[in-house]
């Protein structure tokens, strides 16, 4: 396994463990999810470069567009919850109180 394949896998695993272990703030969870999406983008871009097929060249761009839309939605939710609950702590967010 080369360093080109090892780096996105370890980045994805590090972001997954960060998401599983550090769930105190909403912003840290959103950053872990964004890191996972960027690791997937890097691995898809590497695979599309090694295969040299025209059908696989568009997949990383589509994934990056979905990641940008997800980041925008996550930041909108962060702003909305900060305005309503006055903090971004995840244990304060209860759907039954909304």
C-alpha atoms as a PDB file:
ATOM      1  CA  UNK A   1       0.000   0.000   0.000  1.00  0.00           C
ATOM      2  CA  UNK A   2       1.486   3.303  -1.060  1.00  0.00           C
ATOM      3  CA  UNK A   3       1.334   6.571   0.811  1.00  0.00           C
ATOM      4  CA  UNK A   4      -1.186   7.822  -1.759  1.00  0.00           C
ATOM      5  CA  UNK A   5      -3.653   5.128  -0.736  1.00  0.00           C
ATOM      6  CA  UNK A   6      -2.725   5.124   2.951  1.00  0.00           C
ATOM      7  CA  UNK A   7      -3.315   8.830   3.619  1.00  0.00           C
ATOM      8  CA  UNK A   8      -7.039   9.044   2.679  1.00  0.00           C
ATOM      9  CA  UNK A   9      -7.799   5.816   4.549  1.00  0.00           C
ATOM     10  CA  UNK A  10      -6.125   7.045   7.716  1.00  0.00           C
ATOM     11  CA  UNK A  11      -7.757  10.467   7.370  1.00  0.00           C
ATOM     12  CA  UNK A  12     -11.158   8.837   7.083  1.00  0.00           C
ATOM     13  CA  UNK A  13     -10.500   6.600  10.107  1.00  0.00           C
ATOM     14  CA  UNK A  14      -9.212   9.532  12.164  1.00  0.00           C
ATOM     15  CA  UNK A  15     -12.311  11.581  11.365  1.00  0.00           C
ATOM     16  CA  UNK A  16     -14.541   8.601  12.177  1.00  0.00           C
ATOM     17  CA  UNK A  17     -12.939   8.163  15.592  1.00  0.00           C
ATOM     18  CA  UNK A  18     -13.151  11.915  16.169  1.00  0.00           C
ATOM     19  CA  UNK A  19     -16.860  11.788  15.372  1.00  0.00           C
ATOM     20  CA  UNK A  20     -17.390   8.819  17.665  1.00  0.00           C
ATOM     21  CA  UNK A  21     -15.388  10.084  20.634  1.00  0.00           C
ATOM     22  CA  UNK A  22     -15.687  13.899  20.646  1.00  0.00           C
ATOM     23  CA  UNK A  23     -19.389  14.676  20.524  1.00  0.00           C
ATOM     24  CA  UNK A  24     -19.503  17.675  22.809  1.00  0.00           C
ATOM     25  CA  UNK A  25     -20.030  20.485  20.290  1.00  0.00           C
ATOM     26  CA  UNK A  26     -21.947  20.507  17.034  1.00  0.00           C
ATOM     27  CA  UNK A  27     -19.155  22.294  15.190  1.00  0.00           C
ATOM     28  CA  UNK A  28     -16.641  19.540  15.977  1.00  0.00           C
ATOM     29  CA  UNK A  29     -19.062  16.934  14.646  1.00  0.00           C
ATOM     30  CA  UNK A  30     -19.584  18.940  11.471  1.00  0.00           C
ATOM     31  CA  UNK A  31     -15.827  19.295  10.991  1.00  0.00           C
ATOM     32  CA  UNK A  32     -15.354  15.538  11.377  1.00  0.00           C
ATOM     33  CA  UNK A  33     -18.035  14.853   8.784  1.00  0.00           C
ATOM     34  CA  UNK A  34     -16.425  17.364   6.418  1.00  0.00           C
ATOM     35  CA  UNK A  35     -13.041  15.697   6.909  1.00  0.00           C
ATOM     36  CA  UNK A  36     -14.601  12.348   6.050  1.00  0.00           C
ATOM     37  CA  UNK A  37     -16.055  13.785   2.858  1.00  0.00           C
ATOM     38  CA  UNK A  38     -12.710  15.312   1.873  1.00  0.00           C
ATOM     39  CA  UNK A  39     -10.961  11.978   2.482  1.00  0.00           C
ATOM     40  CA  UNK A  40     -13.512  10.298   0.215  1.00  0.00           C
ATOM     41  CA  UNK A  41     -12.928  13.002  -2.395  1.00  0.00           C
ATOM     42  CA  UNK A  42      -9.178  12.425  -2.255  1.00  0.00           C
ATOM     43  CA  UNK A  43      -9.527   8.678  -2.626  1.00  0.00           C
ATOM     44  CA  UNK A  44     -12.008   9.022  -5.511  1.00  0.00           C
ATOM     45  CA  UNK A  45      -9.733  11.506  -7.271  1.00  0.00           C
ATOM     46  CA  UNK A  46      -6.787   9.134  -6.852  1.00  0.00           C
ATOM     47  CA  UNK A  47      -8.774   6.194  -8.202  1.00  0.00           C
ATOM     48  CA  UNK A  48     -10.030   8.201 -11.175  1.00  0.00           C
ATOM     49  CA  UNK A  49      -6.478   9.312 -12.004  1.00  0.00           C
ATOM     50  CA  UNK A  50      -5.119   5.776 -11.887  1.00  0.00           C
ATOM     51  CA  UNK A  51      -7.922   4.272 -13.982  1.00  0.00           C
ATOM     52  CA  UNK A  52      -7.889   6.976 -16.704  1.00  0.00           C
ATOM     53  CA  UNK A  53     -11.509   6.339 -17.693  1.00  0.00           C
ATOM     54  CA  UNK A  54     -13.671   9.253 -18.721  1.00  0.00           C
ATOM     55  CA  UNK A  55     -16.630   7.842 -16.786  1.00  0.00           C
ATOM     56  CA  UNK A  56     -14.825   8.045 -13.430  1.00  0.00           C
ATOM     57  CA  UNK A  57     -13.554  11.619 -13.831  1.00  0.00           C
ATOM     58  CA  UNK A  58     -16.878  13.263 -12.894  1.00  0.00           C
ATOM     59  CA  UNK A  59     -17.446  11.315  -9.635  1.00  0.00           C
ATOM     60  CA  UNK A  60     -15.070  13.361  -7.416  1.00  0.00           C
ATOM     61  CA  UNK A  61     -16.612  16.597  -8.664  1.00  0.00           C
ATOM     62  CA  UNK A  62     -20.126  15.373  -7.860  1.00  0.00           C
ATOM     63  CA  UNK A  63     -18.986  14.254  -4.391  1.00  0.00           C
ATOM     64  CA  UNK A  64     -17.359  17.631  -3.775  1.00  0.00           C
ATOM     65  CA  UNK A  65     -20.586  19.399  -4.785  1.00  0.00           C
ATOM     66  CA  UNK A  66     -22.594  17.242  -2.357  1.00  0.00           C
ATOM     67  CA  UNK A  67     -20.036  17.932   0.376  1.00  0.00           C
ATOM     68  CA  UNK A  68     -20.353  21.681  -0.196  1.00  0.00           C
ATOM     69  CA  UNK A  69     -24.150  21.452  -0.019  1.00  0.00           C
ATOM     70  CA  UNK A  70     -23.896  19.392   3.177  1.00  0.00           C
ATOM     71  CA  UNK A  71     -21.481  21.876   4.723  1.00  0.00           C
ATOM     72  CA  UNK A  72     -23.838  24.746   3.907  1.00  0.00           C
ATOM     73  CA  UNK A  73     -26.767  22.887   5.426  1.00  0.00           C
ATOM     74  CA  UNK A  74     -24.750  21.999   8.513  1.00  0.00           C
ATOM     75  CA  UNK A  75     -23.663  25.589   9.056  1.00  0.00           C
ATOM     76  CA  UNK A  76     -27.248  26.777   8.623  1.00  0.00           C
ATOM     77  CA  UNK A  77     -28.345  24.281  11.280  1.00  0.00           C
ATOM     78  CA  UNK A  78     -25.511  25.444  13.528  1.00  0.00           C
ATOM     79  CA  UNK A  79     -26.609  29.072  13.240  1.00  0.00           C
ATOM     80  CA  UNK A  80     -30.256  28.155  13.814  1.00  0.00           C
ATOM     81  CA  UNK A  81     -29.541  26.064  16.914  1.00  0.00           C
ATOM     82  CA  UNK A  82     -27.172  28.669  18.315  1.00  0.00           C
ATOM     83  CA  UNK A  83     -29.846  31.336  17.968  1.00  0.00           C
ATOM     84  CA  UNK A  84     -32.601  29.237  19.534  1.00  0.00           C
ATOM     85  CA  UNK A  85     -30.667  27.388  22.254  1.00  0.00           C
ATOM     86  CA  UNK A  86     -27.821  29.918  22.819  1.00  0.00           C
ATOM     87  CA  UNK A  87     -25.143  27.195  22.596  1.00  0.00           C
ATOM     88  CA  UNK A  88     -23.867  24.464  20.330  1.00  0.00           C
ATOM     89  CA  UNK A  89     -23.587  21.731  22.953  1.00  0.00           C
ATOM     90  CA  UNK A  90     -25.073  18.532  21.604  1.00  0.00           C
ATOM     91  CA  UNK A  91     -26.566  17.412  24.916  1.00  0.00           C
ATOM     92  CA  UNK A  92     -28.653  20.609  25.066  1.00  0.00           C
ATOM     93  CA  UNK A  93     -30.259  19.825  21.715  1.00  0.00           C
ATOM     94  CA  UNK A  94     -33.384  17.817  22.355  1.00  0.00           C
ATOM     95  CA  UNK A  95     -35.960  17.375  19.634  1.00  0.00           C
ATOM     96  CA  UNK A  96     -38.781  17.124  22.154  1.00  0.00           C
ATOM     97  CA  UNK A  97     -38.099  20.662  23.417  1.00  0.00           C
ATOM     98  CA  UNK A  98     -38.321  22.277  19.979  1.00  0.00           C
END
